[in-house]
Protein backbone atom coordinates (compact mmCIF):
# COMPACT_ATOMS: atom_id res chain seq x y z
CA UNK A 1 113.28 82.72 123.89
CA UNK A 2 111.64 86.08 124.46
CA UNK A 3 111.62 88.87 121.92
CA UNK A 4 113.84 91.02 124.13
CA UNK A 5 116.39 88.22 124.56
CA UNK A 6 116.57 87.65 120.81
CA UNK A 7 116.93 91.36 120.08
CA UNK A 8 119.81 91.64 122.58
CA UNK A 9 121.54 88.54 121.20
CA UNK A 10 121.33 89.69 117.58
CA UNK A 11 122.48 93.21 118.49
CA UNK A 12 125.52 91.86 120.34
CA UNK A 13 126.42 89.44 117.56
CA UNK A 14 125.78 91.64 114.52
CA UNK A 15 125.66 95.27 115.66
CA UNK A 16 124.51 97.60 112.88
CA UNK A 17 124.58 94.67 110.43
CA UNK A 18 121.22 93.58 111.85
CA UNK A 19 119.72 96.18 109.54
CA UNK A 20 116.10 97.24 109.32
CA UNK A 21 113.47 95.36 111.31
CA UNK A 22 109.82 95.68 110.32
CA UNK A 23 107.16 94.66 112.80
CA UNK A 24 103.79 93.47 111.58
CA UNK A 25 100.92 91.17 112.46
CA UNK A 26 100.66 88.04 110.30
CA UNK A 27 96.86 87.94 110.52
CA UNK A 28 94.24 90.02 112.29
CA UNK A 29 93.39 87.16 114.69
CA UNK A 30 97.00 86.88 115.94
CA UNK A 31 97.55 88.44 119.34
CA UNK A 32 101.34 88.37 118.95
CA UNK A 33 103.56 90.21 116.47
CA UNK A 34 106.20 89.29 113.88
CA UNK A 35 109.62 90.86 113.33
CA UNK A 36 111.01 90.78 109.78
CA UNK A 37 114.80 91.22 109.63
CA UNK A 38 115.13 92.45 106.08
CA UNK A 39 118.88 92.03 105.64
CA UNK A 40 118.81 88.40 106.74
CA UNK A 41 115.36 87.66 105.27
CA UNK A 42 114.36 86.17 108.61
CA UNK A 43 110.85 86.41 110.09
CA UNK A 44 110.29 85.69 113.80
CA UNK A 45 106.78 84.97 115.11
CA UNK A 46 105.95 85.77 118.75
CA UNK A 47 102.98 84.80 120.89
CA UNK A 48 100.98 87.13 123.12
CA UNK A 49 103.67 86.86 125.82
CA UNK A 50 106.47 87.82 123.36
CA UNK A 51 107.86 84.26 123.22
CA UNK A 52 109.19 82.88 119.94
CA UNK A 53 107.00 80.06 118.62
CA UNK A 54 107.81 79.96 114.89
CA UNK A 55 110.39 81.35 112.50
CA UNK A 56 110.79 81.50 108.73
CA UNK A 57 114.14 81.52 106.92
CA UNK A 58 114.35 82.66 103.30
CA UNK A 59 117.02 82.47 100.60
CA UNK A 60 119.09 85.40 101.84
CA UNK A 61 119.97 83.40 104.98
CA UNK A 62 121.24 79.95 103.86
CA UNK A 63 119.93 77.22 106.16
CA UNK A 64 121.32 73.71 106.66
CA UNK A 65 120.14 70.59 108.43
CA UNK A 66 122.39 67.54 108.83
CA UNK A 67 124.75 69.07 106.24
CA UNK A 68 121.92 69.40 103.70
CA UNK A 69 121.53 72.91 102.26
CA UNK A 70 117.81 73.70 102.45
CA UNK A 71 117.53 77.09 100.73
CA UNK A 72 118.42 78.26 97.24
CA UNK A 73 118.09 74.79 95.71
CA UNK A 74 115.36 72.85 93.85
CA UNK A 75 112.77 71.48 96.23
CA UNK A 76 113.01 67.96 94.77
CA UNK A 77 116.78 67.76 95.31
CA UNK A 78 116.46 68.95 98.91
CA UNK A 79 113.82 66.29 99.62
CA UNK A 80 115.97 63.59 98.00
CA UNK A 81 119.03 64.61 100.05
CA UNK A 82 117.06 64.57 103.31
CA UNK A 83 115.64 61.14 102.57
CA UNK A 84 119.09 59.95 101.55
CA UNK A 85 120.24 60.75 105.08
CA UNK A 86 117.41 58.72 106.56
CA UNK A 87 115.00 61.50 107.51
CA UNK A 88 111.25 61.00 107.22
CA UNK A 89 109.83 63.60 104.83
CA UNK A 90 106.08 64.11 104.52
CA UNK A 91 105.06 65.87 101.32
CA UNK A 92 101.96 68.07 101.08
CA UNK A 93 100.20 70.65 98.94
CA UNK A 94 102.63 73.49 99.63
CA UNK A 95 105.92 71.65 100.19
CA UNK A 96 107.02 69.13 102.78
CA UNK A 97 107.65 68.62 106.48
CA UNK A 98 110.37 66.83 108.42
CA UNK A 99 108.33 66.15 111.57
CA UNK A 100 111.00 64.68 113.84
CA UNK A 101 113.35 67.56 113.07
CA UNK A 102 110.70 70.24 113.64
CA UNK A 103 110.82 72.11 110.33
CA UNK A 104 108.98 72.34 107.03
CA UNK A 105 109.85 73.57 103.55
CA UNK A 106 107.53 75.75 101.49
CA UNK A 107 108.11 75.21 97.77
CA UNK A 108 107.70 77.80 95.03
CA UNK A 109 105.50 75.16 93.35
CA UNK A 110 105.05 71.81 95.10
CA UNK A 111 104.00 70.22 91.78
CA UNK A 112 107.31 71.11 90.11
CA UNK A 113 110.32 69.60 91.90
CA UNK A 114 112.73 71.58 89.73
CA UNK A 115 111.67 74.88 91.32
CA UNK A 116 113.23 76.13 94.51
CA UNK A 117 112.46 76.13 98.21
CA UNK A 118 110.74 79.40 99.06
CA UNK A 119 111.24 79.27 102.82
CA UNK A 120 112.11 77.05 105.79
CA UNK A 121 109.75 77.12 108.76
CA UNK A 122 110.93 76.04 112.21
CA UNK A 123 108.11 75.30 114.64
CA UNK A 124 107.24 74.25 118.16
CA UNK A 125 103.89 72.84 117.06
CA UNK A 126 103.62 71.32 113.61
CA UNK A 127 101.12 73.06 111.28
CA UNK A 128 100.22 69.58 110.01
CA UNK A 129 98.95 68.62 113.48
CA UNK A 130 96.10 71.10 113.26
CA UNK A 131 93.14 69.08 111.98
CA UNK A 132 90.76 71.68 110.55
CA UNK A 133 87.12 70.67 110.07
CA UNK A 134 83.61 72.01 110.48
CA UNK A 135 81.60 70.95 113.51
CA UNK A 136 78.08 69.57 113.07
CA UNK A 137 75.82 71.77 115.20
CA UNK A 138 72.61 73.14 113.62
CA UNK A 139 73.02 76.51 111.96
CA UNK A 140 71.84 79.72 113.60
CA UNK A 141 71.19 83.20 112.27
CA UNK A 142 74.34 85.24 111.77
CA UNK A 143 75.24 87.72 114.51
CA UNK A 144 76.44 90.79 112.62
CA UNK A 145 76.62 93.31 115.46
CA UNK A 146 78.51 92.95 118.72
CA UNK A 147 78.16 95.35 121.65
CA UNK A 148 81.08 95.02 124.06
CA UNK A 149 80.66 94.31 127.75
CA UNK A 150 83.42 95.88 129.85
CA UNK A 151 85.98 93.30 130.98
CA UNK A 152 83.92 90.34 129.79
CA UNK A 153 83.44 90.18 126.00
CA UNK A 154 80.20 90.77 124.15
CA UNK A 155 76.51 90.49 124.91
CA UNK A 156 76.64 86.99 123.40
CA UNK A 157 80.11 85.65 124.22
CA UNK A 158 81.94 86.08 127.55
CA UNK A 159 85.42 85.04 128.66
CA UNK A 160 85.30 81.91 130.80
CA UNK A 161 82.29 80.38 129.07
CA UNK A 162 82.43 76.71 128.08
CA UNK A 163 83.15 75.64 124.51
CA UNK A 164 80.09 73.42 124.16
CA UNK A 165 77.77 75.99 125.73
CA UNK A 166 78.95 78.45 123.07
CA UNK A 167 78.53 75.87 120.30
CA UNK A 168 74.86 75.50 121.21
CA UNK A 169 74.44 79.26 121.04
CA UNK A 170 76.58 80.02 117.97
CA UNK A 171 76.13 76.96 115.77
CA UNK A 172 78.78 75.19 113.64
CA UNK A 173 82.40 76.35 113.81
CA UNK A 174 85.59 75.71 111.88
CA UNK A 175 87.54 73.94 114.62
CA UNK A 176 91.30 73.56 114.83
CA UNK A 177 94.31 73.74 117.13
CA UNK A 178 95.80 77.26 117.45
CA UNK A 179 99.49 77.86 116.83
CA UNK A 180 99.78 79.03 120.44
CA UNK A 181 97.68 80.33 123.28
CA UNK A 182 95.20 77.57 123.87
CA UNK A 183 94.22 73.96 123.38
CA UNK A 184 91.50 74.52 120.76
CA UNK A 185 90.18 77.20 118.45
CA UNK A 186 86.72 77.76 116.93
CA UNK A 187 86.19 80.17 114.06
CA UNK A 188 82.67 81.45 113.38
CA UNK A 189 82.89 83.20 109.99
CA UNK A 190 79.32 84.52 109.89
CA UNK A 191 79.54 85.95 113.40
CA UNK A 192 83.03 87.44 112.97
CA UNK A 193 84.34 85.53 115.99
CA UNK A 194 87.49 83.54 116.68
CA UNK A 195 87.49 81.80 120.07
CA UNK A 196 90.50 80.18 121.75
CA UNK A 197 89.99 77.76 124.63
CA UNK A 198 92.26 76.45 127.37
CA UNK A 199 92.75 72.85 128.46
CA UNK A 200 89.59 73.17 130.57
CA UNK A 201 87.66 74.15 127.38
CA UNK A 202 86.84 77.55 128.85
CA UNK A 203 87.13 80.63 126.63
CA UNK A 204 90.50 82.37 127.11
CA UNK A 205 90.78 84.63 124.04
CA UNK A 206 88.03 86.31 122.03
CA UNK A 207 88.86 87.98 118.70
CA UNK A 208 86.14 89.92 116.90
CA UNK A 209 86.53 90.86 113.24
CA UNK A 210 85.02 89.98 109.88
CA UNK A 211 86.34 88.24 106.76
CA UNK A 212 84.03 87.97 103.77
CA UNK A 213 81.05 89.19 105.81
CA UNK A 214 79.91 92.57 107.05
CA UNK A 215 79.51 93.32 110.73
CA UNK A 216 80.00 95.92 113.43
CA UNK A 217 81.62 96.07 116.86
CA UNK A 218 80.65 98.89 119.22
CA UNK A 219 81.58 100.08 122.69
CA UNK A 220 79.20 102.63 124.21
CA UNK A 221 77.80 103.21 120.70
CA UNK A 222 81.27 103.95 119.24
CA UNK A 223 81.97 101.81 116.12
CA UNK A 224 85.43 100.23 116.48
CA UNK A 225 86.19 98.14 113.38
CA UNK A 226 87.52 99.31 110.00
CA UNK A 227 87.79 102.94 111.08
CA UNK A 228 91.00 104.98 111.37
CA UNK A 229 92.64 104.32 114.72
CA UNK A 230 92.89 108.03 115.59
CA UNK A 231 89.16 108.55 115.02
CA UNK A 232 88.25 105.61 117.25
CA UNK A 233 90.58 106.80 120.01
CA UNK A 234 89.16 110.35 119.80
CA UNK A 235 85.56 109.10 119.99
CA UNK A 236 86.35 106.92 123.01
CA UNK A 237 88.24 109.75 124.71
CA UNK A 238 85.19 112.00 124.31
CA UNK A 239 83.31 109.45 126.44
CA UNK A 240 86.06 109.33 129.06
CA UNK A 241 87.48 105.98 127.85
CA UNK A 242 91.28 106.02 127.88
CA UNK A 243 93.28 104.16 125.20
CA UNK A 244 96.95 103.41 125.89
CA UNK A 245 99.17 103.21 122.79
CA UNK A 246 100.95 99.87 122.33
CA UNK A 247 102.87 98.17 119.57
CA UNK A 248 100.43 97.62 116.71
CA UNK A 249 97.55 98.10 119.11
CA UNK A 250 95.68 100.38 121.46
CA UNK A 251 94.93 98.98 124.91
CA UNK A 252 91.79 99.85 126.82
CA UNK A 253 92.87 98.43 130.21
CA UNK A 254 89.97 99.76 132.23
CA UNK A 255 87.58 97.72 130.08
CA UNK A 256 89.78 94.72 129.25
CA UNK A 257 90.05 94.88 125.46
CA UNK A 258 92.57 95.79 122.78
CA UNK A 259 92.22 97.52 119.42
CA UNK A 260 94.39 95.50 117.06
CA UNK A 261 96.33 96.90 114.06
CA UNK A 262 98.05 94.96 111.28
CA UNK A 263 101.12 97.02 110.40
CA UNK A 264 103.07 100.02 111.57
CA UNK A 265 100.90 102.13 113.79
CA UNK A 266 99.81 105.48 112.40
CA UNK A 267 96.68 107.58 113.00
CA UNK A 268 95.09 106.64 109.65
CA UNK A 269 95.48 102.88 110.06
CA UNK A 270 92.12 101.13 110.52
CA UNK A 271 91.34 98.97 113.51
CA UNK A 272 91.37 95.38 112.20
CA UNK A 273 90.11 93.46 115.26
CA UNK A 274 88.98 93.81 118.86
CA UNK A 275 90.53 91.34 121.32
CA UNK A 276 89.62 90.23 124.85
CA UNK A 277 92.09 87.99 126.71
CA UNK A 278 91.75 86.28 130.04
CA UNK A 279 94.90 86.72 132.10
CA UNK A 280 96.04 83.91 134.37
């Protein structure tokens, strides 16, 4: 379902009882947003086309599956009840998953069965399916500065380039399957790049930001990352570059990139990532 459809459905069903909704971005590399319904303790995750792909249910909203109460009970008892009804339960470091039913349970402490279930996650693509591992290409020198190329990406990485061509240029990557928006994902920590590829292994989404490393992103000599949003917009405007305000972002449509924000947009909030996306 789309975000608009869900909002209309909840408004019709609950009216003012829906309560406060807080919109945020789960991580800087996400190109979609999350809505947290505080009264119901429900978090809905949307992709870059505003389609629901994951949701989390917490204790304030009791959840059941096959007449088994999943929330507000010890994790060990929930697992035992599910298995008692014949469901396959796969236990892991943070809780367990019921793959055929399409949900997982996050435990307060997976090593202590007497503690409760922290949340229930309902997914389209299982988090356990994402095999995360480092690739084996030779290392290269870290790229710590990225100058943007209008409508294309950076001087080093362009939308539409092949995955293996980029591997040769960028070196080893942490490779995985993204939650949505592509068939594969490569994360280059030292370069501050997260790349998402389509089924044809061509680059569809480019996210530029840094975690645990220092780097810079510039457009026409304007630094974009980790600066207050209002300052970045003002500097770009002085060069004749228009920025359109969006939800948790500023769009630069003439040049094909987005300034991404993590929480509620305000002028002092720093830009957390720069995103290029190839539109089909």
